[in-house]
Protein backbone atom coordinates (compact mmCIF):
# COMPACT_ATOMS: atom_id res chain seq x y z
CA MET A 1 -0.01 0.06 -0.02
CA ALA A 2 1.35 3.46 -0.97
CA SER A 3 1.81 5.57 2.20
CA LYS A 4 1.65 8.96 0.42
CA LYS A 5 -0.89 10.69 -1.82
CA VAL A 6 -0.64 13.33 -4.50
CA ILE A 7 -3.94 15.30 -4.82
CA LEU A 8 -4.48 16.94 -8.19
CA LEU A 9 -6.79 19.81 -8.58
CA SER A 10 -7.64 20.80 -12.14
CA GLY A 11 -9.89 23.20 -13.81
CA GLY A 12 -10.01 26.64 -15.52
CA PRO A 13 -9.73 30.09 -13.90
CA CYS A 14 -12.17 31.07 -11.14
CA VAL A 15 -13.43 27.56 -10.37
CA GLY A 16 -11.83 27.54 -6.96
CA LYS A 17 -8.65 25.50 -7.37
CA SER A 18 -6.28 27.56 -5.27
CA THR A 19 -8.86 28.33 -2.48
CA THR A 20 -9.72 24.65 -2.19
CA ALA A 21 -6.03 23.54 -2.35
CA LYS A 22 -5.20 25.89 0.65
CA LEU A 23 -8.08 24.56 2.57
CA LEU A 24 -7.12 20.91 1.94
CA PHE A 25 -3.48 21.93 2.90
CA GLU A 26 -4.75 23.35 6.26
CA HIS A 27 -7.04 20.40 6.91
CA TYR A 28 -4.35 17.55 6.57
CA VAL A 29 -1.43 17.30 8.96
CA ASN A 30 1.89 16.52 7.40
CA SER A 31 0.81 17.99 4.05
CA ALA A 32 2.51 20.23 1.40
CA TYR A 33 0.92 22.43 -1.15
CA CYS A 34 2.13 23.53 -4.62
CA ASP A 35 0.34 25.91 -7.02
CA GLY A 36 1.38 25.48 -10.70
CA ASP A 37 1.57 29.26 -11.06
CA TRP A 38 4.56 29.33 -8.71
CA CYS A 39 6.65 26.94 -11.03
CA TRP A 40 6.19 28.87 -14.32
CA CYS A 41 5.42 32.53 -13.91
CA VAL A 42 6.18 34.11 -17.41
CA ASN A 43 4.85 37.02 -19.54
CA PRO A 44 3.04 36.37 -21.77
CA TYR A 45 1.69 33.03 -20.61
CA SER A 46 0.22 30.53 -22.97
CA ILE A 47 -0.53 26.84 -22.40
CA GLU A 48 0.48 26.24 -26.02
CA ASP A 49 3.99 27.57 -25.37
CA LYS A 50 6.52 24.83 -26.15
CA ARG A 51 8.70 26.06 -23.26
CA GLN A 52 5.95 25.15 -20.82
CA GLU A 53 7.72 21.66 -20.73
CA ASN A 54 10.16 23.37 -18.49
CA GLY A 55 7.45 24.38 -16.14
CA ASN A 56 6.26 20.82 -16.09
CA GLN A 57 9.77 19.76 -14.89
CA ASN A 58 9.70 22.46 -12.15
CA MET A 59 6.29 21.18 -11.03
CA ALA A 60 7.49 17.49 -11.03
CA PHE A 61 10.69 18.44 -9.09
CA LEU A 62 8.81 20.32 -6.32
CA ILE A 63 6.17 17.42 -5.84
CA SER A 64 9.12 14.94 -5.81
CA THR A 65 10.88 17.14 -3.18
CA TYR A 66 7.88 17.17 -0.88
CA LEU A 67 7.31 13.35 -1.26
CA ASN A 68 10.97 12.58 -0.59
CA ALA A 69 10.98 14.86 2.42
CA GLY A 70 8.25 12.59 3.99
CA PHE A 71 4.99 14.57 3.58
CA GLU A 72 2.12 12.24 3.39
CA ILE A 73 -0.34 14.49 1.40
CA VAL A 74 0.87 16.65 -1.39
CA ILE A 75 -1.70 18.90 -2.95
CA PHE A 76 -1.05 20.33 -6.50
CA SER A 77 -3.33 22.59 -8.28
CA SER A 78 -2.86 23.96 -11.89
CA ILE A 79 -4.68 24.77 -14.97
CA VAL A 80 -2.28 22.77 -16.91
CA LEU A 81 -3.65 19.55 -15.46
CA THR A 82 -6.63 19.99 -17.74
CA ASN A 83 -4.19 18.99 -20.64
CA PRO A 84 -3.74 15.21 -20.54
CA ASP A 85 -0.35 15.36 -22.28
CA MET A 86 1.09 17.85 -19.74
CA ARG A 87 -0.50 15.92 -16.85
CA ARG A 88 1.30 12.73 -18.03
CA SER A 89 4.53 14.65 -18.54
CA ILE A 90 4.40 15.95 -14.87
CA LEU A 91 3.44 12.68 -13.28
CA LYS A 92 6.01 10.79 -15.39
CA SER A 93 8.78 13.16 -14.25
CA ILE A 94 8.11 12.63 -10.53
CA THR A 95 11.15 10.90 -9.22
CA ALA A 96 9.66 9.92 -5.77
CA THR A 97 8.20 6.42 -5.26
CA ASP A 98 5.42 4.76 -3.23
CA PHE A 99 2.65 7.19 -3.72
CA ASP A 100 -0.88 7.21 -5.11
CA VAL A 101 -2.60 9.91 -7.20
CA MET A 102 -6.15 11.14 -6.71
CA SER A 103 -7.50 13.66 -9.22
CA PHE A 104 -10.30 16.09 -8.86
CA GLN A 105 -11.70 18.46 -11.67
CA LEU A 106 -13.46 21.44 -10.29
CA THR A 107 -16.18 23.10 -12.40
CA CYS A 108 -19.20 25.44 -12.21
CA SER A 109 -21.93 26.79 -14.52
CA GLU A 110 -21.28 29.59 -16.99
CA ASP A 111 -23.33 31.94 -14.89
CA THR A 112 -21.32 31.27 -11.76
CA LEU A 113 -18.13 31.70 -13.75
CA MET A 114 -19.26 35.13 -14.91
CA GLU A 115 -20.26 36.08 -11.46
CA ARG A 116 -16.84 35.18 -10.11
CA HIS A 117 -14.88 37.01 -12.85
CA LYS A 118 -17.02 40.06 -12.25
CA ALA A 119 -16.27 39.84 -8.44
CA GLU A 120 -12.53 40.00 -9.38
CA GLY A 121 -13.02 42.95 -11.59
CA GLU A 122 -12.56 40.96 -14.78
CA ASP A 123 -14.86 41.53 -17.76
CA ALA A 124 -13.35 39.02 -20.19
CA VAL A 125 -14.77 35.41 -19.47
CA SER A 126 -13.84 32.31 -21.37
CA PHE A 127 -16.04 29.23 -21.25
CA PHE A 128 -13.36 27.10 -23.05
CA TRP A 129 -12.20 25.49 -19.71
CA LEU A 130 -15.70 24.46 -18.73
CA GLN A 131 -16.04 22.45 -21.93
CA LEU A 132 -13.01 20.25 -21.42
CA PRO A 133 -13.91 16.68 -20.41
CA PRO A 134 -12.31 15.23 -17.13
CA CYS A 135 -9.15 13.11 -17.46
CA PRO A 136 -9.72 9.29 -17.03
CA GLY A 137 -10.32 8.48 -13.39
CA GLU A 138 -10.92 12.02 -12.46
CA ILE A 139 -13.62 13.00 -9.96
CA VAL A 140 -15.63 15.98 -10.95
CA ILE A 141 -16.65 18.40 -8.30
CA ASP A 142 -19.34 21.00 -9.10
CA THR A 143 -18.72 24.08 -6.97
CA ASP A 144 -22.05 25.80 -7.82
CA GLY A 145 -23.90 27.01 -4.77
CA LYS A 146 -21.09 25.70 -2.42
CA THR A 147 -18.81 27.39 -0.11
CA PRO A 148 -15.00 26.73 -0.33
CA ASP A 149 -15.40 24.82 3.02
CA LYS A 150 -18.14 22.58 1.62
CA VAL A 151 -16.10 21.89 -1.55
CA CYS A 152 -13.15 21.02 0.65
CA LYS A 153 -15.21 18.66 2.89
CA GLU A 154 -16.58 16.94 -0.32
CA ILE A 155 -12.94 16.24 -1.52
CA CYS A 156 -11.86 15.24 1.97
CA LYS A 157 -14.60 12.60 1.97
CA HIS A 158 -13.13 11.01 -1.16
CA ILE A 159 -9.71 11.10 0.18
CA ASP A 160 -10.50 9.77 3.60
CA ALA A 161 -12.64 6.86 2.04
CA ALA A 162 -9.67 5.89 -0.16
CA VAL A 163 -7.22 5.94 2.78
CA LYS A 164 -9.57 3.92 4.83
CA ALA A 165 -10.11 1.32 2.14
CA GLU A 166 -6.30 1.01 1.75
CA LYS A 167 -5.77 0.48 5.54
CA GLU A 168 -8.53 -2.24 5.62
CA LYS A 169 -6.97 -3.86 2.66
CA ALA A 170 -3.52 -3.81 4.24
CA ALA A 171 -4.88 -5.17 7.52
CA LYS A 172 -6.33 -8.22 5.65
CA GLU A 173 -3.14 -8.91 3.90
CA PRO A 174 -1.14 -10.35 6.98
CA LYS A 175 -4.08 -12.70 7.78
CA LYS A 176 -4.43 -13.83 4.16
CA ALA A 177 -0.71 -14.52 4.16
CA ALA A 178 -0.99 -16.35 7.39
CA LYS A 179 -3.80 -18.56 6.04
CA THR A 180 -1.85 -19.30 2.82
CA GLY A 181 1.16 -20.16 4.82
CA LYS A 182 -0.79 -22.63 7.04
CA ALA A 183 -2.32 -24.15 3.84
CA LYS A 184 0.98 -24.73 2.29
CA LYS A 185 2.44 -26.19 5.48
CA ALA A 186 -0.58 -28.60 5.63
CA ALA A 187 -0.26 -29.45 2.02
CA THR A 188 3.44 -30.12 2.30
CA ALA A 189 2.84 -32.35 5.42
CA SER A 190 0.24 -34.41 3.54
CA GLU A 191 2.56 -34.89 0.67
CA LYS A 192 5.37 -36.41 2.87
CA PRO A 193 5.68 -40.24 2.46
CA LYS A 194 4.51 -42.18 5.39
CA LYS A 195 6.88 -44.40 7.08
CA THR A 196 5.93 -48.09 7.24
CA LYS A 197 7.19 -50.56 9.85
CA ALA A 198 9.44 -53.38 8.57
CA LYS A 199 7.73 -56.81 8.97
């Protein structure tokens, strides 16, 4: 069983990635948090920029550093995770071992997105990101009508359920191994030739 988890938060601008990531970071003890914006801050920024691969390496390095340092939960939020190729590149470049990945895509309605952009003083709104499908295995979290705390708790339920299931599975492994060992021992004993007394 992997002892560490990398929690990915994907989605477009203003869906709540950074806010949720910070709340998750504060909720879990022995956790670390990394925002993709910290790893590739350039002007102008474009997700199509071929140099973005350098940013992916930076992200993978920071995640690896946290994992190798012994943090059990590493939360990583970034818009680049909406791109399957970039996601694969980042995960493939992580040098740490013994960890599982759980991914969540945050989304909202177009009306909610417009309201959030307006609240931040931004007039230009793109619905492009809302139309992107989730990556395989990704859990979609609709943030409409939910406070950041509620979104965080919803994600925590998924994470805690996964951790609980892994612990229960790990607890059964020794018992299963013990039963298998006894069965093999019994089988070996039955295969031994019986001694016969000489007449």
